[in-house]
Amino acid sequence: MRWLFLLFCTLPVIELIILLKIGNWLGVWPTVALILGTAFIGVNLLRQQGLKTFTKANQRLAQGEMPASEMVEGIVLAVGGALLLTPGLVTDVIGFSCLLPGTRHMYIAYGMSRMKVMAARAVYVNSASSFQQGPGFDRSFESDSSGFDSSRANSSHSEARPNASQNPNVIEGEYERKK
C-alpha cells in the first residue's frame, strides 16, 4: 500500500519533468502532437487487441472452459488503455507494454501466478479456521443476514442422506448440463 502512495506522488512529477525536457527539445506543438498521437494509436491498438481477447474468451466459453487467462488479459488491456489515455510519456510506455502481446503475456503469467498464490493462501486460511473449529464445533447459533439458518439446512440435509459430508463448507447437490 505504501508503494502505491509513493507511485501516485512520484509518477506525476516524473511525467512533468520528462514532458518539460521533451517540450524544450522538440517544442510545444510537437510534444502535444506526440501525446495525442500516442493516445490515438493506443486506443486503436486497444480496440484491436480487446476484440481478439473477447473472441478467445467466447470460444473458451463455448467449449465449456473457464476463460481465466482471457479475464486477466482483459484486465491488463484495460490498465494499458487507461495508461495510454493518461497524458505523459512514461504512462504511455507502460500502457503500450500492456498492449503488446509479448510483454502482455509476461504480465498475465505474473498475474496468474499471483492469483494462484492468493488462492492457495485462502484455502490454507479456510482449512486452518475449520481445523480450529474442530468436528465438535456447534454452529447452531449461526445464521446469515437473510435469516436462513445454515446449520438447520445442513442437519436436515445430512439426516436425509446419511453419507453426506459433515463439513459445513460443502454444499452437496446434483446438476444437469443443458446444451
N, C-alpha and C. Protein backbone atom coordinates (compact mmCIF):
# COMPACT_ATOMS: atom_id res chain seq x y z
N MET A 1 0.82 -1.18 0.00
CA MET A 1 0.00 0.00 0.00
C MET A 1 0.88 1.25 0.00
N ARG A 2 1.99 1.18 0.69
CA ARG A 2 2.89 2.31 0.76
C ARG A 2 3.49 2.63 -0.61
N TRP A 3 3.79 1.58 -1.38
CA TRP A 3 4.37 1.79 -2.71
C TRP A 3 3.37 2.44 -3.65
N LEU A 4 2.08 2.16 -3.45
CA LEU A 4 1.05 2.78 -4.28
C LEU A 4 0.98 4.28 -4.04
N PHE A 5 1.06 4.67 -2.77
CA PHE A 5 1.09 6.10 -2.43
C PHE A 5 2.32 6.77 -3.03
N LEU A 6 3.44 6.10 -2.93
CA LEU A 6 4.68 6.63 -3.49
C LEU A 6 4.58 6.76 -5.01
N LEU A 7 3.96 5.79 -5.64
CA LEU A 7 3.77 5.83 -7.09
C LEU A 7 2.90 7.01 -7.51
N PHE A 8 1.80 7.23 -6.81
CA PHE A 8 0.91 8.34 -7.15
C PHE A 8 1.55 9.70 -6.87
N CYS A 9 2.50 9.75 -5.98
CA CYS A 9 3.18 11.01 -5.69
C CYS A 9 4.33 11.28 -6.66
N THR A 10 5.08 10.26 -7.02
CA THR A 10 6.27 10.48 -7.84
C THR A 10 6.01 10.43 -9.34
N LEU A 11 5.05 9.63 -9.78
CA LEU A 11 4.81 9.48 -11.22
C LEU A 11 4.43 10.80 -11.90
N PRO A 12 3.52 11.61 -11.33
CA PRO A 12 3.23 12.89 -11.99
C PRO A 12 4.44 13.82 -12.07
N VAL A 13 5.28 13.79 -11.06
CA VAL A 13 6.48 14.64 -11.08
C VAL A 13 7.43 14.17 -12.18
N ILE A 14 7.62 12.87 -12.29
CA ILE A 14 8.49 12.31 -13.35
C ILE A 14 7.92 12.64 -14.72
N GLU A 15 6.60 12.47 -14.87
CA GLU A 15 5.94 12.79 -16.15
C GLU A 15 6.15 14.26 -16.52
N LEU A 16 5.99 15.13 -15.56
CA LEU A 16 6.14 16.56 -15.80
C LEU A 16 7.56 16.91 -16.21
N ILE A 17 8.53 16.34 -15.52
CA ILE A 17 9.93 16.60 -15.85
C ILE A 17 10.24 16.14 -17.27
N ILE A 18 9.79 14.95 -17.63
CA ILE A 18 10.06 14.42 -18.98
C ILE A 18 9.35 15.25 -20.03
N LEU A 19 8.10 15.64 -19.78
CA LEU A 19 7.37 16.46 -20.75
C LEU A 19 8.03 17.82 -20.94
N LEU A 20 8.52 18.41 -19.86
CA LEU A 20 9.20 19.71 -19.98
C LEU A 20 10.49 19.57 -20.78
N LYS A 21 11.25 18.50 -20.53
CA LYS A 21 12.50 18.30 -21.27
C LYS A 21 12.23 18.06 -22.75
N ILE A 22 11.24 17.22 -23.05
CA ILE A 22 10.91 16.96 -24.46
C ILE A 22 10.32 18.22 -25.10
N GLY A 23 9.53 18.97 -24.33
CA GLY A 23 8.98 20.23 -24.85
C GLY A 23 10.08 21.22 -25.19
N ASN A 24 11.12 21.30 -24.37
CA ASN A 24 12.26 22.18 -24.67
C ASN A 24 13.02 21.70 -25.89
N TRP A 25 13.11 20.38 -26.05
CA TRP A 25 13.88 19.80 -27.15
C TRP A 25 13.11 19.87 -28.48
N LEU A 26 11.82 19.46 -28.47
CA LEU A 26 11.03 19.43 -29.70
C LEU A 26 10.21 20.70 -29.93
N GLY A 27 9.79 21.32 -28.87
CA GLY A 27 8.87 22.44 -28.97
C GLY A 27 7.52 22.03 -28.40
N VAL A 28 6.65 23.03 -28.20
CA VAL A 28 5.37 22.77 -27.54
C VAL A 28 4.44 21.93 -28.41
N TRP A 29 4.20 22.36 -29.66
CA TRP A 29 3.22 21.68 -30.50
C TRP A 29 3.64 20.27 -30.92
N PRO A 30 4.88 20.02 -31.22
CA PRO A 30 5.26 18.63 -31.48
C PRO A 30 5.10 17.73 -30.25
N THR A 31 5.32 18.28 -29.06
CA THR A 31 5.14 17.50 -27.84
C THR A 31 3.66 17.18 -27.63
N VAL A 32 2.79 18.17 -27.87
CA VAL A 32 1.35 17.95 -27.76
C VAL A 32 0.91 16.92 -28.80
N ALA A 33 1.44 17.03 -30.02
CA ALA A 33 1.10 16.06 -31.08
C ALA A 33 1.58 14.66 -30.69
N LEU A 34 2.74 14.56 -30.06
CA LEU A 34 3.25 13.26 -29.61
C LEU A 34 2.32 12.63 -28.58
N ILE A 35 1.85 13.43 -27.64
CA ILE A 35 0.95 12.93 -26.60
C ILE A 35 -0.38 12.48 -27.21
N LEU A 36 -0.95 13.31 -28.10
CA LEU A 36 -2.21 12.95 -28.74
C LEU A 36 -2.04 11.76 -29.68
N GLY A 37 -0.91 11.69 -30.37
CA GLY A 37 -0.65 10.59 -31.29
C GLY A 37 -0.54 9.26 -30.57
N THR A 38 0.15 9.25 -29.43
CA THR A 38 0.27 8.00 -28.67
C THR A 38 -1.09 7.57 -28.13
N ALA A 39 -1.92 8.53 -27.73
CA ALA A 39 -3.26 8.19 -27.25
C ALA A 39 -4.10 7.61 -28.39
N PHE A 40 -4.03 8.20 -29.58
CA PHE A 40 -4.79 7.71 -30.73
C PHE A 40 -4.34 6.30 -31.14
N ILE A 41 -3.05 6.11 -31.25
CA ILE A 41 -2.52 4.79 -31.61
C ILE A 41 -2.88 3.77 -30.53
N GLY A 42 -2.78 4.16 -29.28
CA GLY A 42 -3.08 3.27 -28.17
C GLY A 42 -4.54 2.83 -28.15
N VAL A 43 -5.47 3.76 -28.41
CA VAL A 43 -6.88 3.41 -28.43
C VAL A 43 -7.18 2.42 -29.55
N ASN A 44 -6.59 2.64 -30.72
CA ASN A 44 -6.81 1.71 -31.83
C ASN A 44 -6.20 0.34 -31.55
N LEU A 45 -5.01 0.31 -30.97
CA LEU A 45 -4.39 -0.96 -30.60
C LEU A 45 -5.20 -1.66 -29.52
N LEU A 46 -5.72 -0.89 -28.57
CA LEU A 46 -6.56 -1.45 -27.51
C LEU A 46 -7.82 -2.08 -28.10
N ARG A 47 -8.45 -1.40 -29.04
CA ARG A 47 -9.65 -1.93 -29.67
C ARG A 47 -9.35 -3.26 -30.37
N GLN A 48 -8.25 -3.29 -31.13
CA GLN A 48 -7.87 -4.50 -31.87
C GLN A 48 -7.57 -5.66 -30.93
N GLN A 49 -6.73 -5.43 -29.93
CA GLN A 49 -6.34 -6.49 -29.01
C GLN A 49 -7.51 -6.90 -28.12
N GLY A 50 -8.36 -5.95 -27.75
CA GLY A 50 -9.53 -6.25 -26.93
C GLY A 50 -10.51 -7.16 -27.66
N LEU A 51 -10.72 -6.90 -28.95
CA LEU A 51 -11.62 -7.76 -29.73
C LEU A 51 -11.05 -9.17 -29.87
N LYS A 52 -9.74 -9.28 -30.05
CA LYS A 52 -9.12 -10.61 -30.11
C LYS A 52 -9.33 -11.37 -28.80
N THR A 53 -9.12 -10.69 -27.69
CA THR A 53 -9.28 -11.32 -26.38
C THR A 53 -10.73 -11.71 -26.15
N PHE A 54 -11.65 -10.84 -26.53
CA PHE A 54 -13.07 -11.13 -26.38
C PHE A 54 -13.48 -12.35 -27.20
N THR A 55 -12.95 -12.45 -28.41
CA THR A 55 -13.24 -13.59 -29.27
C THR A 55 -12.70 -14.88 -28.66
N LYS A 56 -11.46 -14.84 -28.13
CA LYS A 56 -10.88 -16.03 -27.50
C LYS A 56 -11.68 -16.45 -26.27
N ALA A 57 -12.14 -15.47 -25.49
CA ALA A 57 -12.93 -15.78 -24.30
C ALA A 57 -14.25 -16.44 -24.69
N ASN A 58 -14.90 -15.94 -25.73
CA ASN A 58 -16.15 -16.55 -26.19
C ASN A 58 -15.94 -17.96 -26.68
N GLN A 59 -14.83 -18.21 -27.36
CA GLN A 59 -14.52 -19.56 -27.84
C GLN A 59 -14.32 -20.51 -26.67
N ARG A 60 -13.62 -20.06 -25.65
CA ARG A 60 -13.39 -20.91 -24.48
C ARG A 60 -14.70 -21.19 -23.75
N LEU A 61 -15.56 -20.18 -23.65
CA LEU A 61 -16.85 -20.38 -23.00
C LEU A 61 -17.71 -21.36 -23.81
N ALA A 62 -17.67 -21.26 -25.13
CA ALA A 62 -18.43 -22.17 -25.99
C ALA A 62 -17.95 -23.61 -25.83
N GLN A 63 -16.68 -23.80 -25.50
CA GLN A 63 -16.13 -25.13 -25.29
C GLN A 63 -16.38 -25.63 -23.86
N GLY A 64 -17.02 -24.78 -23.04
CA GLY A 64 -17.30 -25.17 -21.67
C GLY A 64 -16.14 -24.97 -20.72
N GLU A 65 -15.16 -24.18 -21.12
CA GLU A 65 -13.99 -23.91 -20.28
C GLU A 65 -14.11 -22.53 -19.66
N MET A 66 -13.42 -22.35 -18.56
CA MET A 66 -13.39 -21.05 -17.90
C MET A 66 -12.29 -20.21 -18.53
N PRO A 67 -12.61 -19.03 -19.04
CA PRO A 67 -11.58 -18.20 -19.70
C PRO A 67 -10.78 -17.36 -18.70
N ALA A 68 -10.08 -18.01 -17.79
CA ALA A 68 -9.36 -17.30 -16.72
C ALA A 68 -8.25 -16.44 -17.29
N SER A 69 -7.44 -16.98 -18.19
CA SER A 69 -6.33 -16.18 -18.73
C SER A 69 -6.86 -15.02 -19.57
N GLU A 70 -7.99 -15.21 -20.24
CA GLU A 70 -8.58 -14.13 -21.02
C GLU A 70 -9.13 -13.03 -20.11
N MET A 71 -9.62 -13.42 -18.93
CA MET A 71 -10.09 -12.40 -17.99
C MET A 71 -8.92 -11.57 -17.48
N VAL A 72 -7.82 -12.22 -17.16
CA VAL A 72 -6.63 -11.48 -16.71
C VAL A 72 -6.10 -10.62 -17.86
N GLU A 73 -6.14 -11.17 -19.08
CA GLU A 73 -5.70 -10.41 -20.24
C GLU A 73 -6.56 -9.17 -20.44
N GLY A 74 -7.86 -9.30 -20.21
CA GLY A 74 -8.76 -8.15 -20.30
C GLY A 74 -8.42 -7.08 -19.27
N ILE A 75 -8.06 -7.50 -18.08
CA ILE A 75 -7.67 -6.54 -17.04
C ILE A 75 -6.39 -5.81 -17.44
N VAL A 76 -5.41 -6.57 -17.95
CA VAL A 76 -4.15 -5.95 -18.38
C VAL A 76 -4.41 -4.98 -19.53
N LEU A 77 -5.29 -5.36 -20.46
CA LEU A 77 -5.62 -4.46 -21.57
C LEU A 77 -6.31 -3.19 -21.07
N ALA A 78 -7.21 -3.33 -20.11
CA ALA A 78 -7.91 -2.16 -19.57
C ALA A 78 -6.93 -1.22 -18.87
N VAL A 79 -6.00 -1.79 -18.11
CA VAL A 79 -4.99 -0.96 -17.44
C VAL A 79 -4.13 -0.26 -18.48
N GLY A 80 -3.72 -1.00 -19.52
CA GLY A 80 -2.92 -0.40 -20.59
C GLY A 80 -3.65 0.71 -21.30
N GLY A 81 -4.94 0.51 -21.57
CA GLY A 81 -5.73 1.57 -22.21
C GLY A 81 -5.86 2.81 -21.34
N ALA A 82 -6.08 2.61 -20.05
CA ALA A 82 -6.17 3.75 -19.14
C ALA A 82 -4.86 4.51 -19.06
N LEU A 83 -3.75 3.77 -19.06
CA LEU A 83 -2.44 4.44 -19.01
C LEU A 83 -2.15 5.20 -20.29
N LEU A 84 -2.61 4.67 -21.43
CA LEU A 84 -2.39 5.37 -22.70
C LEU A 84 -3.22 6.65 -22.80
N LEU A 85 -4.38 6.66 -22.17
CA LEU A 85 -5.21 7.86 -22.21
C LEU A 85 -4.73 8.90 -21.20
N THR A 86 -3.91 8.50 -20.26
CA THR A 86 -3.34 9.44 -19.30
C THR A 86 -2.22 10.21 -19.98
N PRO A 87 -2.26 11.55 -19.93
CA PRO A 87 -1.19 12.30 -20.60
C PRO A 87 0.16 12.05 -19.93
N GLY A 88 1.16 11.77 -20.73
CA GLY A 88 2.50 11.54 -20.23
C GLY A 88 3.17 10.44 -21.02
N LEU A 89 4.47 10.50 -21.08
CA LEU A 89 5.21 9.53 -21.88
C LEU A 89 5.58 8.27 -21.10
N VAL A 90 5.80 8.38 -19.81
CA VAL A 90 6.12 7.20 -19.00
C VAL A 90 4.89 6.29 -18.94
N THR A 91 3.71 6.88 -18.70
CA THR A 91 2.49 6.07 -18.68
C THR A 91 2.20 5.49 -20.07
N ASP A 92 2.55 6.21 -21.13
CA ASP A 92 2.37 5.68 -22.48
C ASP A 92 3.26 4.46 -22.73
N VAL A 93 4.48 4.50 -22.26
CA VAL A 93 5.38 3.35 -22.43
C VAL A 93 4.85 2.14 -21.67
N ILE A 94 4.40 2.37 -20.45
CA ILE A 94 3.85 1.26 -19.67
C ILE A 94 2.55 0.76 -20.31
N GLY A 95 1.72 1.69 -20.79
CA GLY A 95 0.47 1.31 -21.45
C GLY A 95 0.70 0.51 -22.71
N PHE A 96 1.66 0.94 -23.54
CA PHE A 96 1.99 0.18 -24.75
C PHE A 96 2.52 -1.20 -24.39
N SER A 97 3.28 -1.30 -23.31
CA SER A 97 3.79 -2.62 -22.91
C SER A 97 2.64 -3.55 -22.49
N CYS A 98 1.55 -2.98 -21.99
CA CYS A 98 0.38 -3.80 -21.65
C CYS A 98 -0.37 -4.25 -22.90
N LEU A 99 -0.26 -3.51 -23.99
CA LEU A 99 -1.00 -3.84 -25.20
C LEU A 99 -0.22 -4.73 -26.17
N LEU A 100 1.08 -4.71 -26.09
CA LEU A 100 1.88 -5.55 -26.99
C LEU A 100 1.86 -6.99 -26.49
N PRO A 101 1.59 -7.95 -27.39
CA PRO A 101 1.40 -9.35 -26.95
C PRO A 101 2.55 -9.93 -26.14
N GLY A 102 3.78 -9.67 -26.48
CA GLY A 102 4.91 -10.27 -25.77
C GLY A 102 4.97 -9.86 -24.31
N THR A 103 4.95 -8.57 -24.06
CA THR A 103 5.01 -8.10 -22.67
C THR A 103 3.70 -8.33 -21.94
N ARG A 104 2.58 -8.26 -22.66
CA ARG A 104 1.29 -8.51 -22.03
C ARG A 104 1.23 -9.93 -21.48
N HIS A 105 1.72 -10.90 -22.24
CA HIS A 105 1.70 -12.28 -21.76
C HIS A 105 2.63 -12.48 -20.57
N MET A 106 3.68 -11.69 -20.50
CA MET A 106 4.55 -11.73 -19.33
C MET A 106 3.79 -11.21 -18.10
N TYR A 107 3.04 -10.11 -18.27
CA TYR A 107 2.23 -9.58 -17.17
C TYR A 107 1.15 -10.58 -16.76
N ILE A 108 0.56 -11.26 -17.76
CA ILE A 108 -0.50 -12.23 -17.48
C ILE A 108 0.06 -13.40 -16.69
N ALA A 109 1.22 -13.89 -17.08
CA ALA A 109 1.84 -15.01 -16.35
C ALA A 109 2.11 -14.61 -14.91
N TYR A 110 2.58 -13.39 -14.71
CA TYR A 110 2.83 -12.91 -13.35
C TYR A 110 1.51 -12.80 -12.58
N GLY A 111 0.48 -12.25 -13.22
CA GLY A 111 -0.82 -12.11 -12.56
C GLY A 111 -1.44 -13.45 -12.22
N MET A 112 -1.34 -14.42 -13.13
CA MET A 112 -1.89 -15.74 -12.86
C MET A 112 -1.14 -16.42 -11.71
N SER A 113 0.18 -16.25 -11.65
CA SER A 113 0.92 -16.85 -10.54
C SER A 113 0.54 -16.19 -9.22
N ARG A 114 0.28 -14.89 -9.24
CA ARG A 114 -0.14 -14.20 -8.02
C ARG A 114 -1.52 -14.68 -7.58
N MET A 115 -2.41 -14.91 -8.56
CA MET A 115 -3.75 -15.40 -8.21
C MET A 115 -3.68 -16.80 -7.62
N LYS A 116 -2.77 -17.65 -8.14
CA LYS A 116 -2.61 -18.99 -7.59
C LYS A 116 -2.10 -18.92 -6.15
N VAL A 117 -1.19 -18.00 -5.89
CA VAL A 117 -0.66 -17.85 -4.53
C VAL A 117 -1.76 -17.36 -3.60
N MET A 118 -2.55 -16.38 -4.06
CA MET A 118 -3.63 -15.88 -3.21
C MET A 118 -4.69 -16.94 -2.98
N ALA A 119 -5.00 -17.75 -4.00
CA ALA A 119 -5.98 -18.82 -3.85
C ALA A 119 -5.47 -19.88 -2.88
N ALA A 120 -4.20 -20.22 -3.00
CA ALA A 120 -3.62 -21.21 -2.08
C ALA A 120 -3.62 -20.67 -0.66
N ARG A 121 -3.35 -19.39 -0.51
CA ARG A 121 -3.36 -18.78 0.82
C ARG A 121 -4.78 -18.80 1.39
N ALA A 122 -5.78 -18.51 0.55
CA ALA A 122 -7.17 -18.53 1.01
C ALA A 122 -7.60 -19.93 1.42
N VAL A 123 -7.19 -20.93 0.67
CA VAL A 123 -7.51 -22.31 1.01
C VAL A 123 -6.86 -22.68 2.34
N TYR A 124 -5.62 -22.25 2.52
CA TYR A 124 -4.91 -22.54 3.77
C TYR A 124 -5.62 -21.88 4.95
N VAL A 125 -6.03 -20.62 4.79
CA VAL A 125 -6.69 -19.91 5.88
C VAL A 125 -8.04 -20.56 6.18
N ASN A 126 -8.80 -20.91 5.13
CA ASN A 126 -10.09 -21.56 5.36
C ASN A 126 -9.93 -22.92 6.02
N SER A 127 -8.95 -23.69 5.59
CA SER A 127 -8.76 -25.01 6.21
C SER A 127 -8.27 -24.86 7.64
N ALA A 128 -7.45 -23.85 7.90
CA ALA A 128 -6.98 -23.64 9.27
C ALA A 128 -8.13 -23.22 10.17
N SER A 129 -9.06 -22.39 9.67
CA SER A 129 -10.17 -21.96 10.51
C SER A 129 -11.13 -23.10 10.76
N SER A 130 -11.36 -23.97 9.76
CA SER A 130 -12.24 -25.11 10.00
C SER A 130 -11.56 -26.13 10.91
N PHE A 131 -10.22 -26.21 10.85
CA PHE A 131 -9.49 -27.10 11.75
C PHE A 131 -9.62 -26.60 13.19
N GLN A 132 -9.54 -25.27 13.37
CA GLN A 132 -9.64 -24.72 14.71
C GLN A 132 -11.03 -24.94 15.29
N GLN A 133 -12.06 -24.92 14.41
CA GLN A 133 -13.41 -25.13 14.91
C GLN A 133 -13.59 -26.57 15.35
N GLY A 134 -12.95 -27.48 14.64
CA GLY A 134 -12.99 -28.89 15.01
C GLY A 134 -14.31 -29.55 14.70
N PRO A 135 -14.33 -30.88 14.80
CA PRO A 135 -15.53 -31.61 14.44
C PRO A 135 -16.68 -31.40 15.42
N GLY A 136 -16.40 -31.03 16.64
CA GLY A 136 -17.47 -30.85 17.62
C GLY A 136 -17.97 -29.42 17.70
N PHE A 137 -17.55 -28.56 16.81
CA PHE A 137 -17.93 -27.15 16.85
C PHE A 137 -19.42 -27.00 16.62
N ASP A 138 -20.10 -26.27 17.48
CA ASP A 138 -21.55 -26.11 17.37
C ASP A 138 -21.85 -24.88 16.53
N ARG A 139 -22.49 -25.07 15.40
CA ARG A 139 -22.83 -23.97 14.50
C ARG A 139 -24.31 -23.59 14.64
N SER A 140 -24.98 -24.05 15.65
CA SER A 140 -26.42 -23.84 15.76
C SER A 140 -26.79 -22.37 15.96
N PHE A 141 -25.85 -21.56 16.42
CA PHE A 141 -26.16 -20.16 16.65
C PHE A 141 -25.95 -19.30 15.42
N GLU A 142 -25.36 -19.84 14.35
CA GLU A 142 -25.03 -19.04 13.18
C GLU A 142 -26.19 -19.01 12.20
N SER A 143 -26.43 -17.83 11.66
CA SER A 143 -27.35 -17.69 10.53
C SER A 143 -26.86 -16.49 9.73
N ASP A 144 -27.20 -16.46 8.48
CA ASP A 144 -26.75 -15.33 7.66
C ASP A 144 -27.73 -14.18 7.80
N SER A 145 -27.48 -13.08 7.10
CA SER A 145 -28.27 -11.87 7.25
C SER A 145 -29.69 -12.03 6.74
N SER A 146 -29.97 -13.00 5.90
CA SER A 146 -31.32 -13.19 5.37
C SER A 146 -32.19 -13.98 6.35
N GLY A 147 -31.64 -14.42 7.45
CA GLY A 147 -32.40 -15.20 8.42
C GLY A 147 -32.34 -16.69 8.15
N PHE A 148 -31.64 -17.11 7.11
CA PHE A 148 -31.52 -18.52 6.78
C PHE A 148 -30.54 -19.17 7.74
N ASP A 149 -30.97 -20.18 8.40
CA ASP A 149 -30.12 -20.88 9.36
C ASP A 149 -29.45 -22.04 8.65
N SER A 150 -28.17 -21.84 8.33
CA SER A 150 -27.44 -22.86 7.57
C SER A 150 -27.24 -24.14 8.38
N SER A 151 -27.20 -24.04 9.68
CA SER A 151 -26.97 -25.25 10.47
C SER A 151 -28.18 -26.18 10.38
N ARG A 152 -29.40 -25.61 10.35
CA ARG A 152 -30.58 -26.45 10.22
C ARG A 152 -30.64 -27.08 8.82
N ALA A 153 -30.26 -26.30 7.80
CA ALA A 153 -30.28 -26.84 6.44
C ALA A 153 -29.28 -27.98 6.33
N ASN A 154 -28.12 -27.79 6.93
CA ASN A 154 -27.11 -28.85 6.88
C ASN A 154 -27.56 -30.08 7.65
N SER A 155 -28.19 -29.86 8.81
CA SER A 155 -28.59 -31.02 9.60
C SER A 155 -29.74 -31.76 8.94
N SER A 156 -30.71 -31.05 8.35
CA SER A 156 -31.81 -31.74 7.69
C SER A 156 -31.30 -32.45 6.45
N HIS A 157 -30.34 -31.85 5.78
CA HIS A 157 -29.78 -32.48 4.59
C HIS A 157 -29.00 -33.73 4.96
N SER A 158 -28.27 -33.66 6.07
CA SER A 158 -27.48 -34.81 6.45
C SER A 158 -28.37 -35.92 7.01
N GLU A 159 -29.54 -35.57 7.58
CA GLU A 159 -30.46 -36.61 8.03
C GLU A 159 -31.06 -37.33 6.83
N ALA A 160 -31.34 -36.57 5.76
CA ALA A 160 -31.94 -37.18 4.59
C ALA A 160 -30.94 -38.09 3.88
N ARG A 161 -29.68 -37.72 3.93
CA ARG A 161 -28.63 -38.52 3.28
C ARG A 161 -27.59 -38.84 4.33
N PRO A 162 -27.59 -40.02 4.86
CA PRO A 162 -26.68 -40.35 5.96
C PRO A 162 -25.21 -40.28 5.57
N ASN A 163 -24.86 -40.41 4.29
CA ASN A 163 -23.46 -40.38 3.88
C ASN A 163 -22.99 -38.97 3.54
N ALA A 164 -23.83 -37.97 3.74
CA ALA A 164 -23.47 -36.59 3.38
C ALA A 164 -22.31 -36.11 4.24
N SER A 165 -21.54 -35.22 3.68
CA SER A 165 -20.39 -34.67 4.39
C SER A 165 -20.85 -33.84 5.57
N GLN A 166 -20.13 -33.91 6.66
CA GLN A 166 -20.47 -33.12 7.84
C GLN A 166 -19.76 -31.78 7.84
N ASN A 167 -19.00 -31.48 6.81
CA ASN A 167 -18.30 -30.21 6.70
C ASN A 167 -19.30 -29.13 6.29
N PRO A 168 -19.47 -28.08 7.09
CA PRO A 168 -20.46 -27.04 6.76
C PRO A 168 -20.06 -26.21 5.54
N ASN A 169 -18.83 -26.32 5.07
CA ASN A 169 -18.41 -25.57 3.90
C ASN A 169 -18.70 -26.29 2.59
N VAL A 170 -19.25 -27.52 2.68
CA VAL A 170 -19.54 -28.31 1.49
C VAL A 170 -21.03 -28.27 1.23
N ILE A 171 -21.39 -27.93 0.01
CA ILE A 171 -22.79 -27.95 -0.41
C ILE A 171 -22.94 -29.09 -1.39
N GLU A 172 -23.78 -30.05 -1.05
CA GLU A 172 -23.97 -31.19 -1.92
C GLU A 172 -25.20 -30.95 -2.78
N GLY A 173 -25.16 -31.48 -3.98
CA GLY A 173 -26.31 -31.34 -4.86
C GLY A 173 -26.04 -32.03 -6.18
N GLU A 174 -26.99 -31.93 -7.06
CA GLU A 174 -26.85 -32.50 -8.38
C GLU A 174 -27.06 -31.41 -9.40
N TYR A 175 -26.47 -31.59 -10.57
CA TYR A 175 -26.67 -30.63 -11.64
C TYR A 175 -26.79 -31.38 -12.94
N GLU A 176 -27.35 -30.68 -13.90
CA GLU A 176 -27.50 -31.24 -15.23
C GLU A 176 -27.09 -30.17 -16.23
N ARG A 177 -26.19 -30.51 -17.13
CA ARG A 177 -25.73 -29.56 -18.13
C ARG A 177 -26.69 -29.60 -19.31
N LYS A 178 -27.26 -28.45 -19.65
CA LYS A 178 -28.18 -28.35 -20.77
C LYS A 178 -27.46 -27.72 -21.93
N LYS A 179 -27.65 -28.30 -23.09
CA LYS A 179 -26.99 -27.78 -24.28
C LYS A 179 -27.96 -27.12 -25.20
